Amino acid sequence: MNLNAGQVLKPVFDFLDAAIADYGVYLFLVMVWVSVVVLAWIFSGGLRRKFPNQPHIRAGIGIVIQPPTQPLQPTPVLFQDDGDDEV
């Protein structure tokens, strides 16, 4: 019994090397289209758990744009003269 990982997996790596060398372009195109389909499935809710007998709740996204406020004018500081000017 051979437990050396390099020798056990050598036929697998040889097969993958030959398949990529012969059909690499086609494998790439298949993987690209499969990834597009998987992303569309994920974005459409494919990974969400579906519970039976549960109402469907839909929520929208609201964007609130507030106009900029006018800068507040500083309040003037008032001095009251009491009339005693003694030094």
PDB file of N, CA and C in Angstrom:
ATOM      1  N   MET A   1       0.852  -1.174   0.000  1.00  0.00           N
ATOM      2  CA  MET A   1       0.000   0.000   0.000  1.00  0.00           C
ATOM      3  C   MET A   1       0.894   1.232   0.000  1.00  0.00           C
ATOM      4  N   ASN A   2       0.624   2.109  -0.935  1.00  0.00           N
ATOM      5  CA  ASN A   2       1.437   3.319  -1.094  1.00  0.00           C
ATOM      6  C   ASN A   2       0.695   4.500  -0.475  1.00  0.00           C
ATOM      7  N   LEU A   3       1.295   5.156   0.512  1.00  0.00           N
ATOM      8  CA  LEU A   3       0.664   6.281   1.185  1.00  0.00           C
ATOM      9  C   LEU A   3       1.318   7.605   0.798  1.00  0.00           C
ATOM     10  N   ASN A   4       2.189   7.585  -0.175  1.00  0.00           N
ATOM     11  CA  ASN A   4       2.823   8.821  -0.614  1.00  0.00           C
ATOM     12  C   ASN A   4       1.812   9.607  -1.465  1.00  0.00           C
ATOM     13  N   ALA A   5       1.483  10.829  -1.021  1.00  0.00           N
ATOM     14  CA  ALA A   5       0.452  11.611  -1.707  1.00  0.00           C
ATOM     15  C   ALA A   5       0.860  11.955  -3.134  1.00  0.00           C
ATOM     16  N   GLY A   6       2.123  12.164  -3.365  1.00  0.00           N
ATOM     17  CA  GLY A   6       2.583  12.493  -4.711  1.00  0.00           C
ATOM     18  C   GLY A   6       2.370  11.363  -5.694  1.00  0.00           C
ATOM     19  N   GLN A   7       2.614  10.149  -5.257  1.00  0.00           N
ATOM     20  CA  GLN A   7       2.437   9.003  -6.154  1.00  0.00           C
ATOM     21  C   GLN A   7       0.971   8.621  -6.297  1.00  0.00           C
ATOM     22  N   VAL A   8       0.176   8.805  -5.252  1.00  0.00           N
ATOM     23  CA  VAL A   8      -1.246   8.454  -5.320  1.00  0.00           C
ATOM     24  C   VAL A   8      -1.984   9.423  -6.247  1.00  0.00           C
ATOM     25  N   LEU A   9      -1.649  10.699  -6.182  1.00  0.00           N
ATOM     26  CA  LEU A   9      -2.362  11.700  -6.967  1.00  0.00           C
ATOM     27  C   LEU A   9      -1.751  11.958  -8.341  1.00  0.00           C
ATOM     28  N   LYS A  10      -0.647  11.317  -8.673  1.00  0.00           N
ATOM     29  CA  LYS A  10      -0.007  11.548  -9.968  1.00  0.00           C
ATOM     30  C   LYS A  10      -0.938  11.246 -11.144  1.00  0.00           C
ATOM     31  N   PRO A  11      -1.705  10.143 -11.157  1.00  0.00           N
ATOM     32  CA  PRO A  11      -2.626   9.929 -12.286  1.00  0.00           C
ATOM     33  C   PRO A  11      -3.695  11.022 -12.396  1.00  0.00           C
ATOM     34  N   VAL A  12      -4.155  11.526 -11.257  1.00  0.00           N
ATOM     35  CA  VAL A  12      -5.157  12.591 -11.285  1.00  0.00           C
ATOM     36  C   VAL A  12      -4.565  13.848 -11.897  1.00  0.00           C
ATOM     37  N   PHE A  13      -3.351  14.217 -11.451  1.00  0.00           N
ATOM     38  CA  PHE A  13      -2.707  15.412 -11.993  1.00  0.00           C
ATOM     39  C   PHE A  13      -2.357  15.252 -13.472  1.00  0.00           C
ATOM     40  N   ASP A  14      -1.967  14.061 -13.875  1.00  0.00           N
ATOM     41  CA  ASP A  14      -1.684  13.821 -15.296  1.00  0.00           C
ATOM     42  C   ASP A  14      -2.951  13.985 -16.135  1.00  0.00           C
ATOM     43  N   PHE A  15      -4.078  13.464 -15.632  1.00  0.00           N
ATOM     44  CA  PHE A  15      -5.339  13.618 -16.345  1.00  0.00           C
ATOM     45  C   PHE A  15      -5.726  15.091 -16.450  1.00  0.00           C
ATOM     46  N   LEU A  16      -5.620  15.839 -15.338  1.00  0.00           N
ATOM     47  CA  LEU A  16      -5.980  17.264 -15.362  1.00  0.00           C
ATOM     48  C   LEU A  16      -5.062  18.054 -16.292  1.00  0.00           C
ATOM     49  N   ASP A  17      -3.780  17.758 -16.276  1.00  0.00           N
ATOM     50  CA  ASP A  17      -2.854  18.447 -17.182  1.00  0.00           C
ATOM     51  C   ASP A  17      -3.221  18.192 -18.640  1.00  0.00           C
ATOM     52  N   ALA A  18      -3.530  16.938 -18.976  1.00  0.00           N
ATOM     53  CA  ALA A  18      -3.893  16.609 -20.359  1.00  0.00           C
ATOM     54  C   ALA A  18      -5.220  17.262 -20.743  1.00  0.00           C
ATOM     55  N   ALA A  19      -6.199  17.263 -19.827  1.00  0.00           N
ATOM     56  CA  ALA A  19      -7.502  17.856 -20.133  1.00  0.00           C
ATOM     57  C   ALA A  19      -7.377  19.364 -20.335  1.00  0.00           C
ATOM     58  N   ILE A  20      -6.583  20.026 -19.507  1.00  0.00           N
ATOM     59  CA  ILE A  20      -6.401  21.474 -19.660  1.00  0.00           C
ATOM     60  C   ILE A  20      -5.631  21.788 -20.928  1.00  0.00           C
ATOM     61  N   ALA A  21      -4.641  20.970 -21.257  1.00  0.00           N
ATOM     62  CA  ALA A  21      -3.863  21.210 -22.478  1.00  0.00           C
ATOM     63  C   ALA A  21      -4.727  21.028 -23.724  1.00  0.00           C
ATOM     64  N   ASP A  22      -5.623  20.040 -23.714  1.00  0.00           N
ATOM     65  CA  ASP A  22      -6.433  19.758 -24.900  1.00  0.00           C
ATOM     66  C   ASP A  22      -7.704  20.606 -24.958  1.00  0.00           C
ATOM     67  N   TYR A  23      -8.356  20.815 -23.819  1.00  0.00           N
ATOM     68  CA  TYR A  23      -9.667  21.461 -23.808  1.00  0.00           C
ATOM     69  C   TYR A  23      -9.711  22.679 -22.885  1.00  0.00           C
ATOM     70  N   GLY A  24      -8.603  23.333 -22.685  1.00  0.00           N
ATOM     71  CA  GLY A  24      -8.529  24.442 -21.734  1.00  0.00           C
ATOM     72  C   GLY A  24      -9.442  25.598 -22.070  1.00  0.00           C
ATOM     73  N   VAL A  25      -9.501  25.966 -23.342  1.00  0.00           N
ATOM     74  CA  VAL A  25     -10.336  27.095 -23.753  1.00  0.00           C
ATOM     75  C   VAL A  25     -11.810  26.781 -23.512  1.00  0.00           C
ATOM     76  N   TYR A  26     -12.221  25.564 -23.839  1.00  0.00           N
ATOM     77  CA  TYR A  26     -13.614  25.183 -23.659  1.00  0.00           C
ATOM     78  C   TYR A  26     -13.968  25.081 -22.180  1.00  0.00           C
ATOM     79  N   LEU A  27     -13.053  24.556 -21.381  1.00  0.00           N
ATOM     80  CA  LEU A  27     -13.291  24.505 -19.940  1.00  0.00           C
ATOM     81  C   LEU A  27     -13.425  25.908 -19.355  1.00  0.00           C
ATOM     82  N   PHE A  28     -12.602  26.835 -19.831  1.00  0.00           N
ATOM     83  CA  PHE A  28     -12.683  28.214 -19.354  1.00  0.00           C
ATOM     84  C   PHE A  28     -14.037  28.833 -19.705  1.00  0.00           C
ATOM     85  N   LEU A  29     -14.487  28.639 -20.940  1.00  0.00           N
ATOM     86  CA  LEU A  29     -15.775  29.200 -21.346  1.00  0.00           C
ATOM     87  C   LEU A  29     -16.927  28.596 -20.550  1.00  0.00           C
ATOM     88  N   VAL A  30     -16.873  27.305 -20.299  1.00  0.00           N
ATOM     89  CA  VAL A  30     -17.923  26.663 -19.503  1.00  0.00           C
ATOM     90  C   VAL A  30     -17.923  27.218 -18.087  1.00  0.00           C
ATOM     91  N   MET A  31     -16.739  27.388 -17.496  1.00  0.00           N
ATOM     92  CA  MET A  31     -16.663  27.902 -16.124  1.00  0.00           C
ATOM     93  C   MET A  31     -17.166  29.345 -16.044  1.00  0.00           C
ATOM     94  N   VAL A  32     -16.891  30.155 -17.053  1.00  0.00           N
ATOM     95  CA  VAL A  32     -17.377  31.537 -17.048  1.00  0.00           C
ATOM     96  C   VAL A  32     -18.901  31.558 -17.089  1.00  0.00           C
ATOM     97  N   TRP A  33     -19.509  30.776 -17.974  1.00  0.00           N
ATOM     98  CA  TRP A  33     -20.966  30.787 -18.072  1.00  0.00           C
ATOM     99  C   TRP A  33     -21.626  30.159 -16.848  1.00  0.00           C
ATOM    100  N   VAL A  34     -21.011  29.155 -16.282  1.00  0.00           N
ATOM    101  CA  VAL A  34     -21.548  28.568 -15.058  1.00  0.00           C
ATOM    102  C   VAL A  34     -21.483  29.573 -13.921  1.00  0.00           C
ATOM    103  N   SER A  35     -20.393  30.344 -13.836  1.00  0.00           N
ATOM    104  CA  SER A  35     -20.286  31.338 -12.764  1.00  0.00           C
ATOM    105  C   SER A  35     -21.326  32.442 -12.935  1.00  0.00           C
ATOM    106  N   VAL A  36     -21.641  32.831 -14.169  1.00  0.00           N
ATOM    107  CA  VAL A  36     -22.676  33.840 -14.398  1.00  0.00           C
ATOM    108  C   VAL A  36     -24.037  33.309 -13.938  1.00  0.00           C
ATOM    109  N   VAL A  37     -24.330  32.069 -14.256  1.00  0.00           N
ATOM    110  CA  VAL A  37     -25.600  31.469 -13.840  1.00  0.00           C
ATOM    111  C   VAL A  37     -25.663  31.348 -12.319  1.00  0.00           C
ATOM    112  N   VAL A  38     -24.575  30.952 -11.689  1.00  0.00           N
ATOM    113  CA  VAL A  38     -24.553  30.814 -10.227  1.00  0.00           C
ATOM    114  C   VAL A  38     -24.726  32.173  -9.563  1.00  0.00           C
ATOM    115  N   LEU A  39     -24.076  33.216 -10.070  1.00  0.00           N
ATOM    116  CA  LEU A  39     -24.244  34.554  -9.495  1.00  0.00           C
ATOM    117  C   LEU A  39     -25.674  35.054  -9.665  1.00  0.00           C
ATOM    118  N   ALA A  40     -26.288  34.799 -10.802  1.00  0.00           N
ATOM    119  CA  ALA A  40     -27.683  35.200 -10.999  1.00  0.00           C
ATOM    120  C   ALA A  40     -28.592  34.458 -10.030  1.00  0.00           C
ATOM    121  N   TRP A  41     -28.317  33.188  -9.793  1.00  0.00           N
ATOM    122  CA  TRP A  41     -29.113  32.407  -8.850  1.00  0.00           C
ATOM    123  C   TRP A  41     -28.951  32.934  -7.426  1.00  0.00           C
ATOM    124  N   ILE A  42     -27.719  33.278  -7.041  1.00  0.00           N
ATOM    125  CA  ILE A  42     -27.469  33.800  -5.694  1.00  0.00           C
ATOM    126  C   ILE A  42     -28.151  35.150  -5.514  1.00  0.00           C
ATOM    127  N   PHE A  43     -28.021  36.053  -6.495  1.00  0.00           N
ATOM    128  CA  PHE A  43     -28.625  37.380  -6.375  1.00  0.00           C
ATOM    129  C   PHE A  43     -30.154  37.334  -6.416  1.00  0.00           C
ATOM    130  N   SER A  44     -30.726  36.299  -7.007  1.00  0.00           N
ATOM    131  CA  SER A  44     -32.184  36.196  -7.031  1.00  0.00           C
ATOM    132  C   SER A  44     -32.730  35.530  -5.774  1.00  0.00           C
ATOM    133  N   GLY A  45     -31.873  35.192  -4.833  1.00  0.00           N
ATOM    134  CA  GLY A  45     -32.320  34.632  -3.566  1.00  0.00           C
ATOM    135  C   GLY A  45     -32.170  33.142  -3.468  1.00  0.00           C
ATOM    136  N   GLY A  46     -31.296  32.564  -4.215  1.00  0.00           N
ATOM    137  CA  GLY A  46     -31.130  31.113  -4.200  1.00  0.00           C
ATOM    138  C   GLY A  46     -30.543  30.571  -2.919  1.00  0.00           C
ATOM    139  N   LEU A  47     -29.837  31.388  -2.158  1.00  0.00           N
ATOM    140  CA  LEU A  47     -29.233  30.896  -0.921  1.00  0.00           C
ATOM    141  C   LEU A  47     -30.115  31.127   0.294  1.00  0.00           C
ATOM    142  N   ARG A  48     -31.235  31.830   0.121  1.00  0.00           N
ATOM    143  CA  ARG A  48     -32.121  32.061   1.257  1.00  0.00           C
ATOM    144  C   ARG A  48     -32.912  30.807   1.570  1.00  0.00           C
ATOM    145  N   ARG A  49     -33.141  30.583   2.832  1.00  0.00           N
ATOM    146  CA  ARG A  49     -33.917  29.432   3.252  1.00  0.00           C
ATOM    147  C   ARG A  49     -35.399  29.716   3.054  1.00  0.00           C
ATOM    148  N   LYS A  50     -36.102  28.790   2.461  1.00  0.00           N
ATOM    149  CA  LYS A  50     -37.529  28.969   2.195  1.00  0.00           C
ATOM    150  C   LYS A  50     -38.327  28.189   3.241  1.00  0.00           C
ATOM    151  N   PHE A  51     -39.157  28.906   4.008  1.00  0.00           N
ATOM    152  CA  PHE A  51     -40.005  28.266   5.002  1.00  0.00           C
ATOM    153  C   PHE A  51     -41.427  28.196   4.463  1.00  0.00           C
ATOM    154  N   PRO A  52     -42.082  27.047   4.577  1.00  0.00           N
ATOM    155  CA  PRO A  52     -43.478  26.965   4.136  1.00  0.00           C
ATOM    156  C   PRO A  52     -44.383  27.692   5.129  1.00  0.00           C
ATOM    157  N   ASN A  53     -45.517  28.134   4.636  1.00  0.00           N
ATOM    158  CA  ASN A  53     -46.536  28.806   5.447  1.00  0.00           C
ATOM    159  C   ASN A  53     -46.017  30.094   6.083  1.00  0.00           C
ATOM    160  N   GLN A  54     -45.152  30.770   5.414  1.00  0.00           N
ATOM    161  CA  GLN A  54     -44.658  32.043   5.923  1.00  0.00           C
ATOM    162  C   GLN A  54     -44.990  33.119   4.891  1.00  0.00           C
ATOM    163  N   PRO A  55     -45.551  34.246   5.344  1.00  0.00           N
ATOM    164  CA  PRO A  55     -45.914  35.281   4.367  1.00  0.00           C
ATOM    165  C   PRO A  55     -44.681  35.876   3.705  1.00  0.00           C
ATOM    166  N   HIS A  56     -44.857  36.232   2.471  1.00  0.00           N
ATOM    167  CA  HIS A  56     -43.763  36.854   1.735  1.00  0.00           C
ATOM    168  C   HIS A  56     -43.731  38.343   2.069  1.00  0.00           C
ATOM    169  N   ILE A  57     -42.631  38.795   2.567  1.00  0.00           N
ATOM    170  CA  ILE A  57     -42.468  40.199   2.935  1.00  0.00           C
ATOM    171  C   ILE A  57     -41.456  40.811   1.990  1.00  0.00           C
ATOM    172  N   ARG A  58     -41.864  41.861   1.358  1.00  0.00           N
ATOM    173  CA  ARG A  58     -40.966  42.554   0.439  1.00  0.00           C
ATOM    174  C   ARG A  58     -40.670  43.932   1.006  1.00  0.00           C
ATOM    175  N   ALA A  59     -39.446  44.329   0.937  1.00  0.00           N
ATOM    176  CA  ALA A  59     -39.048  45.645   1.432  1.00  0.00           C
ATOM    177  C   ALA A  59     -38.331  46.374   0.315  1.00  0.00           C
ATOM    178  N   GLY A  60     -38.676  47.622   0.150  1.00  0.00           N
ATOM    179  CA  GLY A  60     -38.008  48.442  -0.861  1.00  0.00           C
ATOM    180  C   GLY A  60     -36.917  49.282  -0.232  1.00  0.00           C
ATOM    181  N   ILE A  61     -36.100  49.797  -1.057  1.00  0.00           N
ATOM    182  CA  ILE A  61     -35.015  50.653  -0.597  1.00  0.00           C
ATOM    183  C   ILE A  61     -35.426  52.092  -0.871  1.00  0.00           C
ATOM    184  N   GLY A  62     -35.458  52.894   0.157  1.00  0.00           N
ATOM    185  CA  GLY A  62     -35.820  54.301   0.003  1.00  0.00           C
ATOM    186  C   GLY A  62     -34.584  55.174   0.149  1.00  0.00           C
ATOM    187  N   ILE A  63     -34.467  56.134  -0.716  1.00  0.00           N
ATOM    188  CA  ILE A  63     -33.347  57.064  -0.656  1.00  0.00           C
ATOM    189  C   ILE A  63     -33.912  58.435  -0.349  1.00  0.00           C
ATOM    190  N   VAL A  64     -33.418  59.039   0.712  1.00  0.00           N
ATOM    191  CA  VAL A  64     -33.882  60.357   1.129  1.00  0.00           C
ATOM    192  C   VAL A  64     -32.745  61.342   0.877  1.00  0.00           C
ATOM    193  N   ILE A  65     -33.052  62.359   0.076  1.00  0.00           N
ATOM    194  CA  ILE A  65     -32.062  63.396  -0.209  1.00  0.00           C
ATOM    195  C   ILE A  65     -32.541  64.676   0.452  1.00  0.00           C
ATOM    196  N   GLN A  66     -31.752  65.187   1.371  1.00  0.00           N
ATOM    197  CA  GLN A  66     -32.119  66.405   2.062  1.00  0.00           C
ATOM    198  C   GLN A  66     -31.325  67.560   1.470  1.00  0.00           C
ATOM    199  N   PRO A  67     -32.009  68.688   1.209  1.00  0.00           N
ATOM    200  CA  PRO A  67     -31.263  69.836   0.694  1.00  0.00           C
ATOM    201  C   PRO A  67     -30.338  70.374   1.780  1.00  0.00           C
ATOM    202  N   PRO A  68     -29.224  70.932   1.373  1.00  0.00           N
ATOM    203  CA  PRO A  68     -28.297  71.450   2.379  1.00  0.00           C
ATOM    204  C   PRO A  68     -28.932  72.609   3.144  1.00  0.00           C
ATOM    205  N   THR A  69     -28.679  72.670   4.421  1.00  0.00           N
ATOM    206  CA  THR A  69     -29.239  73.737   5.248  1.00  0.00           C
ATOM    207  C   THR A  69     -28.347  74.966   5.154  1.00  0.00           C
ATOM    208  N   GLN A  70     -28.941  76.107   5.386  1.00  0.00           N
ATOM    209  CA  GLN A  70     -28.180  77.353   5.370  1.00  0.00           C
ATOM    210  C   GLN A  70     -27.296  77.392   6.615  1.00  0.00           C
ATOM    211  N   PRO A  71     -26.085  77.875   6.473  1.00  0.00           N
ATOM    212  CA  PRO A  71     -25.235  77.954   7.660  1.00  0.00           C
ATOM    213  C   PRO A  71     -25.819  78.966   8.644  1.00  0.00           C
ATOM    214  N   LEU A  72     -25.804  78.630   9.894  1.00  0.00           N
ATOM    215  CA  LEU A  72     -26.354  79.506  10.911  1.00  0.00           C
ATOM    216  C   LEU A  72     -25.439  80.706  11.122  1.00  0.00           C
ATOM    217  N   GLN A  73     -26.065  81.881  11.219  1.00  0.00           N
ATOM    218  CA  GLN A  73     -25.301  83.097  11.475  1.00  0.00           C
ATOM    219  C   GLN A  73     -24.947  83.121  12.961  1.00  0.00           C
ATOM    220  N   PRO A  74     -23.732  83.476  13.279  1.00  0.00           N
ATOM    221  CA  PRO A  74     -23.383  83.538  14.695  1.00  0.00           C
ATOM    222  C   PRO A  74     -24.195  84.639  15.384  1.00  0.00           C
ATOM    223  N   THR A  75     -24.648  84.358  16.568  1.00  0.00           N
ATOM    224  CA  THR A  75     -25.425  85.356  17.297  1.00  0.00           C
ATOM    225  C   THR A  75     -24.479  86.443  17.803  1.00  0.00           C
ATOM    226  N   PRO A  76     -24.871  87.703  17.639  1.00  0.00           N
ATOM    227  CA  PRO A  76     -23.987  88.774  18.086  1.00  0.00           C
ATOM    228  C   PRO A  76     -23.913  88.817  19.614  1.00  0.00           C
ATOM    229  N   VAL A  77     -22.741  89.175  20.104  1.00  0.00           N
ATOM    230  CA  VAL A  77     -22.540  89.292  21.540  1.00  0.00           C
ATOM    231  C   VAL A  77     -22.792  90.740  21.907  1.00  0.00           C
ATOM    232  N   LEU A  78     -23.735  90.970  22.790  1.00  0.00           N
ATOM    233  CA  LEU A  78     -24.105  92.319  23.196  1.00  0.00           C
ATOM    234  C   LEU A  78     -23.486  92.624  24.559  1.00  0.00           C
ATOM    235  N   PHE A  79     -22.854  93.795  24.635  1.00  0.00           N
ATOM    236  CA  PHE A  79     -22.293  94.237  25.893  1.00  0.00           C
ATOM    237  C   PHE A  79     -23.175  95.365  26.424  1.00  0.00           C
ATOM    238  N   GLN A  80     -23.453  95.330  27.694  1.00  0.00           N
ATOM    239  CA  GLN A  80     -24.258  96.382  28.293  1.00  0.00           C
ATOM    240  C   GLN A  80     -23.349  97.233  29.188  1.00  0.00           C
ATOM    241  N   ASP A  81     -23.412  98.507  28.920  1.00  0.00           N
ATOM    242  CA  ASP A  81     -22.579  99.425  29.678  1.00  0.00           C
ATOM    243  C   ASP A  81     -23.358  99.858  30.905  1.00  0.00           C
ATOM    244  N   ASP A  82     -22.778  99.642  32.085  1.00  0.00           N
ATOM    245  CA  ASP A  82     -23.484  99.995  33.299  1.00  0.00           C
ATOM    246  C   ASP A  82     -23.209 101.435  33.730  1.00  0.00           C
ATOM    247  N   GLY A  83     -22.309 102.126  33.091  1.00  0.00           N
ATOM    248  CA  GLY A  83     -22.055 103.524  33.354  1.00  0.00           C
ATOM    249  C   GLY A  83     -20.951 103.779  34.352  1.00  0.00           C
ATOM    250  N   ASP A  84     -20.457 102.801  35.034  1.00  0.00           N
ATOM    251  CA  ASP A  84     -19.357 103.000  35.985  1.00  0.00           C
ATOM    252  C   ASP A  84     -18.033 102.742  35.275  1.00  0.00           C
ATOM    253  N   ASP A  85     -17.336 103.756  34.954  1.00  0.00           N
ATOM    254  CA  ASP A  85     -16.041 103.639  34.306  1.00  0.00           C
ATOM    255  C   ASP A  85     -14.949 104.101  35.284  1.00  0.00           C
ATOM    256  N   GLU A  86     -14.801 103.466  36.376  1.00  0.00           N
ATOM    257  CA  GLU A  86     -13.774 103.852  37.332  1.00  0.00           C
ATOM    258  C   GLU A  86     -12.540 103.009  37.090  1.00  0.00           C
ATOM    259  N   VAL A  87     -11.423 103.709  37.171  1.00  0.00           N
ATOM    260  CA  VAL A  87     -10.154 103.020  36.965  1.00  0.00           C
ATOM    261  C   VAL A  87      -9.384 102.989  38.224  1.00  0.00           C
TER     262      VAL A  87
END
